[in-house]
Amino acid sequence: MELNEGDRVVRGIVFQVAALAGLAVRPHVDEQFGKLVLEGGNKAMEEERRAEAVGNLLLLLGEALKAAQERHGKRDQPALDEECVAVAKKKLCPIYPFD
């Protein structure tokens, strides 16, 4: 998979998973996840570790969703925002390919 293709796929996953969780996606959050893939460099797209990379992306996204839910009482509508991504990254990283 090409790096730019990976970026687009990740951004699509972010919107789909957030929608399934009933969360809005604040502006630029999808780009933030896509940027994590691009920062991971070519190793993010190594075919032999592709399943591991996708699994770790889902772990990271799951932690971001948890952070959004925990703040639900403080907002009208729970939303996935840049702070949620930062919380998830701090908790889980370094993990492949985001290390």
N, C-alpha and C. Protein backbone atom coordinates (compact mmCIF):
# COMPACT_ATOMS: atom_id res chain seq x y z
N MET A 1 0.85 -1.17 0.00
CA MET A 1 0.00 0.00 0.00
C MET A 1 0.89 1.23 0.00
N GLU A 2 0.58 2.18 -0.85
CA GLU A 2 1.32 3.42 -0.91
C GLU A 2 1.00 4.27 0.32
N LEU A 3 1.94 5.11 0.71
CA LEU A 3 1.78 5.93 1.90
C LEU A 3 0.57 6.85 1.82
N ASN A 4 0.38 7.52 0.68
CA ASN A 4 -0.77 8.42 0.53
C ASN A 4 -2.09 7.66 0.58
N GLU A 5 -2.09 6.44 0.04
CA GLU A 5 -3.29 5.61 0.11
C GLU A 5 -3.57 5.24 1.56
N GLY A 6 -2.55 4.93 2.32
CA GLY A 6 -2.71 4.62 3.74
C GLY A 6 -3.30 5.79 4.51
N ASP A 7 -2.86 6.99 4.18
CA ASP A 7 -3.38 8.19 4.82
C ASP A 7 -4.88 8.32 4.57
N ARG A 8 -5.31 8.12 3.33
CA ARG A 8 -6.74 8.22 2.99
C ARG A 8 -7.55 7.13 3.68
N VAL A 9 -7.02 5.93 3.72
CA VAL A 9 -7.73 4.82 4.36
C VAL A 9 -7.90 5.10 5.85
N VAL A 10 -6.84 5.56 6.50
CA VAL A 10 -6.91 5.86 7.93
C VAL A 10 -7.95 6.93 8.21
N ARG A 11 -7.96 7.96 7.40
CA ARG A 11 -8.92 9.05 7.61
C ARG A 11 -10.35 8.54 7.45
N GLY A 12 -10.58 7.65 6.51
CA GLY A 12 -11.90 7.06 6.34
C GLY A 12 -12.31 6.22 7.54
N ILE A 13 -11.36 5.45 8.06
CA ILE A 13 -11.63 4.61 9.25
C ILE A 13 -12.02 5.48 10.43
N VAL A 14 -11.34 6.59 10.62
CA VAL A 14 -11.64 7.48 11.74
C VAL A 14 -13.10 7.92 11.69
N PHE A 15 -13.56 8.36 10.52
CA PHE A 15 -14.95 8.81 10.40
C PHE A 15 -15.94 7.67 10.61
N GLN A 16 -15.64 6.49 10.08
CA GLN A 16 -16.55 5.37 10.21
C GLN A 16 -16.66 4.90 11.65
N VAL A 17 -15.54 4.77 12.33
CA VAL A 17 -15.56 4.29 13.71
C VAL A 17 -16.22 5.32 14.63
N ALA A 18 -15.93 6.58 14.43
CA ALA A 18 -16.57 7.62 15.24
C ALA A 18 -18.08 7.61 15.04
N ALA A 19 -18.51 7.44 13.81
CA ALA A 19 -19.95 7.39 13.53
C ALA A 19 -20.59 6.19 14.22
N LEU A 20 -19.93 5.04 14.17
CA LEU A 20 -20.44 3.85 14.85
C LEU A 20 -20.55 4.08 16.36
N ALA A 21 -19.63 4.86 16.91
CA ALA A 21 -19.63 5.15 18.35
C ALA A 21 -20.57 6.29 18.71
N GLY A 22 -21.18 6.91 17.70
CA GLY A 22 -22.10 8.01 17.96
C GLY A 22 -21.40 9.32 18.29
N LEU A 23 -20.17 9.45 17.84
CA LEU A 23 -19.39 10.65 18.13
C LEU A 23 -19.21 11.51 16.89
N ALA A 24 -19.22 12.79 17.09
CA ALA A 24 -18.86 13.71 16.02
C ALA A 24 -17.34 13.72 15.89
N VAL A 25 -16.86 14.15 14.75
CA VAL A 25 -15.42 14.28 14.53
C VAL A 25 -15.13 15.76 14.32
N ARG A 26 -14.38 16.33 15.23
CA ARG A 26 -14.03 17.75 15.12
C ARG A 26 -13.07 17.94 13.93
N PRO A 27 -13.06 19.16 13.39
CA PRO A 27 -12.17 19.44 12.25
C PRO A 27 -10.72 19.07 12.53
N HIS A 28 -10.09 18.52 11.54
CA HIS A 28 -8.66 18.19 11.51
C HIS A 28 -8.28 16.93 12.28
N VAL A 29 -9.21 16.28 12.97
CA VAL A 29 -8.87 15.07 13.70
C VAL A 29 -8.50 13.94 12.74
N ASP A 30 -9.26 13.79 11.66
CA ASP A 30 -8.93 12.77 10.67
C ASP A 30 -7.54 13.03 10.09
N GLU A 31 -7.22 14.29 9.87
CA GLU A 31 -5.88 14.64 9.36
C GLU A 31 -4.80 14.29 10.38
N GLN A 32 -5.12 14.44 11.68
CA GLN A 32 -4.16 14.12 12.73
C GLN A 32 -3.83 12.63 12.71
N PHE A 33 -4.83 11.78 12.54
CA PHE A 33 -4.57 10.34 12.46
C PHE A 33 -3.79 10.02 11.19
N GLY A 34 -4.18 10.64 10.08
CA GLY A 34 -3.46 10.44 8.83
C GLY A 34 -2.01 10.87 8.95
N LYS A 35 -1.78 11.95 9.67
CA LYS A 35 -0.41 12.45 9.88
C LYS A 35 0.42 11.44 10.68
N LEU A 36 -0.21 10.78 11.64
CA LEU A 36 0.50 9.75 12.40
C LEU A 36 1.01 8.66 11.48
N VAL A 37 0.21 8.30 10.49
CA VAL A 37 0.63 7.27 9.53
C VAL A 37 1.80 7.79 8.71
N LEU A 38 1.69 9.01 8.23
CA LEU A 38 2.76 9.58 7.41
C LEU A 38 4.05 9.75 8.20
N GLU A 39 3.93 10.12 9.49
CA GLU A 39 5.11 10.26 10.34
C GLU A 39 5.77 8.92 10.59
N GLY A 40 4.97 7.84 10.54
CA GLY A 40 5.52 6.50 10.73
C GLY A 40 6.44 6.08 9.60
N GLY A 41 6.36 6.81 8.49
CA GLY A 41 7.22 6.52 7.35
C GLY A 41 6.83 5.24 6.65
N ASN A 42 7.73 4.72 5.85
CA ASN A 42 7.44 3.53 5.04
C ASN A 42 7.14 2.30 5.88
N LYS A 43 7.66 2.25 7.11
CA LYS A 43 7.40 1.05 7.91
C LYS A 43 5.91 0.90 8.22
N ALA A 44 5.15 1.99 8.14
CA ALA A 44 3.71 1.92 8.36
C ALA A 44 3.03 1.09 7.28
N MET A 45 3.69 0.93 6.16
CA MET A 45 3.08 0.25 5.03
C MET A 45 3.76 -1.09 4.71
N GLU A 46 4.61 -1.58 5.58
CA GLU A 46 5.25 -2.87 5.34
C GLU A 46 4.18 -3.95 5.31
N GLU A 47 4.10 -4.66 4.20
CA GLU A 47 3.05 -5.67 4.03
C GLU A 47 3.08 -6.74 5.12
N GLU A 48 4.26 -7.18 5.51
CA GLU A 48 4.34 -8.25 6.51
C GLU A 48 3.87 -7.81 7.90
N ARG A 49 3.78 -6.49 8.12
CA ARG A 49 3.32 -5.99 9.42
C ARG A 49 2.04 -5.17 9.29
N ARG A 50 1.40 -5.29 8.16
CA ARG A 50 0.20 -4.49 7.89
C ARG A 50 -0.91 -4.78 8.90
N ALA A 51 -1.16 -6.03 9.22
CA ALA A 51 -2.21 -6.38 10.18
C ALA A 51 -1.91 -5.79 11.55
N GLU A 52 -0.66 -5.84 11.95
CA GLU A 52 -0.25 -5.27 13.24
C GLU A 52 -0.48 -3.75 13.25
N ALA A 53 -0.12 -3.10 12.14
CA ALA A 53 -0.29 -1.65 12.04
C ALA A 53 -1.77 -1.26 12.13
N VAL A 54 -2.63 -2.01 11.45
CA VAL A 54 -4.07 -1.73 11.48
C VAL A 54 -4.61 -1.97 12.89
N GLY A 55 -4.20 -3.06 13.51
CA GLY A 55 -4.64 -3.35 14.88
C GLY A 55 -4.24 -2.25 15.85
N ASN A 56 -3.02 -1.76 15.71
CA ASN A 56 -2.55 -0.70 16.59
C ASN A 56 -3.25 0.63 16.31
N LEU A 57 -3.59 0.87 15.05
CA LEU A 57 -4.39 2.05 14.72
C LEU A 57 -5.73 1.98 15.44
N LEU A 58 -6.35 0.80 15.43
CA LEU A 58 -7.64 0.64 16.09
C LEU A 58 -7.52 0.79 17.61
N LEU A 59 -6.41 0.32 18.17
CA LEU A 59 -6.17 0.53 19.61
C LEU A 59 -6.08 2.02 19.92
N LEU A 60 -5.32 2.73 19.11
CA LEU A 60 -5.15 4.16 19.29
C LEU A 60 -6.47 4.90 19.13
N LEU A 61 -7.23 4.52 18.13
CA LEU A 61 -8.54 5.13 17.92
C LEU A 61 -9.49 4.80 19.07
N GLY A 62 -9.42 3.57 19.56
CA GLY A 62 -10.25 3.19 20.70
C GLY A 62 -9.96 4.01 21.94
N GLU A 63 -8.71 4.26 22.20
CA GLU A 63 -8.34 5.10 23.35
C GLU A 63 -8.81 6.54 23.16
N ALA A 64 -8.75 7.03 21.94
CA ALA A 64 -9.25 8.37 21.65
C ALA A 64 -10.76 8.44 21.86
N LEU A 65 -11.48 7.39 21.48
CA LEU A 65 -12.93 7.34 21.70
C LEU A 65 -13.25 7.33 23.18
N LYS A 66 -12.48 6.57 23.96
CA LYS A 66 -12.68 6.55 25.41
C LYS A 66 -12.49 7.93 26.01
N ALA A 67 -11.45 8.63 25.57
CA ALA A 67 -11.19 9.98 26.06
C ALA A 67 -12.36 10.91 25.74
N ALA A 68 -12.93 10.76 24.55
CA ALA A 68 -14.08 11.58 24.16
C ALA A 68 -15.29 11.27 25.03
N GLN A 69 -15.51 10.00 25.30
CA GLN A 69 -16.65 9.61 26.13
C GLN A 69 -16.50 10.11 27.56
N GLU A 70 -15.28 10.06 28.09
CA GLU A 70 -15.05 10.50 29.46
C GLU A 70 -15.35 11.99 29.63
N ARG A 71 -15.23 12.74 28.56
CA ARG A 71 -15.52 14.17 28.62
C ARG A 71 -16.96 14.47 28.21
N HIS A 72 -17.76 13.43 27.98
CA HIS A 72 -19.13 13.59 27.49
C HIS A 72 -19.95 14.52 28.37
N GLY A 73 -19.83 14.43 29.67
CA GLY A 73 -20.60 15.26 30.58
C GLY A 73 -20.22 16.72 30.49
N LYS A 74 -19.09 17.02 29.92
CA LYS A 74 -18.61 18.39 29.84
C LYS A 74 -18.98 19.06 28.51
N ARG A 75 -19.61 18.31 27.61
CA ARG A 75 -19.96 18.84 26.29
C ARG A 75 -21.41 18.48 25.96
N ASP A 76 -21.99 19.25 25.05
CA ASP A 76 -23.35 18.94 24.60
C ASP A 76 -23.37 17.61 23.85
N GLN A 77 -22.41 17.42 22.96
CA GLN A 77 -22.32 16.17 22.19
C GLN A 77 -20.89 15.66 22.28
N PRO A 78 -20.72 14.40 22.65
CA PRO A 78 -19.35 13.89 22.69
C PRO A 78 -18.73 13.94 21.29
N ALA A 79 -17.48 14.31 21.25
CA ALA A 79 -16.81 14.45 19.96
C ALA A 79 -15.37 14.02 20.07
N LEU A 80 -14.89 13.47 18.98
CA LEU A 80 -13.49 13.09 18.86
C LEU A 80 -12.74 14.35 18.42
N ASP A 81 -11.82 14.82 19.26
CA ASP A 81 -11.08 16.03 18.92
C ASP A 81 -9.58 15.80 19.08
N GLU A 82 -8.80 16.82 18.80
CA GLU A 82 -7.35 16.69 18.81
C GLU A 82 -6.81 16.34 20.19
N GLU A 83 -7.46 16.82 21.23
CA GLU A 83 -7.03 16.50 22.59
C GLU A 83 -7.20 15.00 22.88
N CYS A 84 -8.28 14.41 22.38
CA CYS A 84 -8.52 12.98 22.56
C CYS A 84 -7.41 12.16 21.90
N VAL A 85 -6.99 12.59 20.72
CA VAL A 85 -5.92 11.89 20.01
C VAL A 85 -4.61 12.01 20.79
N ALA A 86 -4.34 13.18 21.34
CA ALA A 86 -3.12 13.39 22.13
C ALA A 86 -3.12 12.50 23.37
N VAL A 87 -4.27 12.38 24.03
CA VAL A 87 -4.39 11.52 25.21
C VAL A 87 -4.10 10.06 24.83
N ALA A 88 -4.68 9.61 23.73
CA ALA A 88 -4.48 8.23 23.28
C ALA A 88 -3.03 7.98 22.91
N LYS A 89 -2.44 8.91 22.20
CA LYS A 89 -1.04 8.74 21.79
C LYS A 89 -0.12 8.69 23.00
N LYS A 90 -0.38 9.55 23.97
CA LYS A 90 0.45 9.57 25.19
C LYS A 90 0.32 8.25 25.95
N LYS A 91 -0.87 7.70 25.97
CA LYS A 91 -1.11 6.46 26.72
C LYS A 91 -0.48 5.24 26.05
N LEU A 92 -0.56 5.16 24.73
CA LEU A 92 -0.16 3.94 24.03
C LEU A 92 1.21 3.97 23.37
N CYS A 93 1.64 5.11 22.91
CA CYS A 93 2.87 5.16 22.12
C CYS A 93 4.10 5.08 23.02
N PRO A 94 5.13 4.46 22.56
CA PRO A 94 5.36 4.01 21.19
C PRO A 94 4.78 2.63 20.91
N ILE A 95 3.99 2.54 19.87
CA ILE A 95 3.55 1.26 19.30
C ILE A 95 3.75 1.34 17.80
N TYR A 96 4.00 0.20 17.19
CA TYR A 96 4.23 0.15 15.74
C TYR A 96 2.94 0.54 15.03
N PRO A 97 2.97 1.35 14.05
CA PRO A 97 4.10 2.07 13.45
C PRO A 97 4.22 3.50 13.93
N PHE A 98 3.63 3.80 15.07
CA PHE A 98 3.55 5.17 15.54
C PHE A 98 4.64 5.55 16.54
N ASP A 99 5.75 4.78 16.57
CA ASP A 99 6.79 5.03 17.56
C ASP A 99 7.85 5.94 17.07
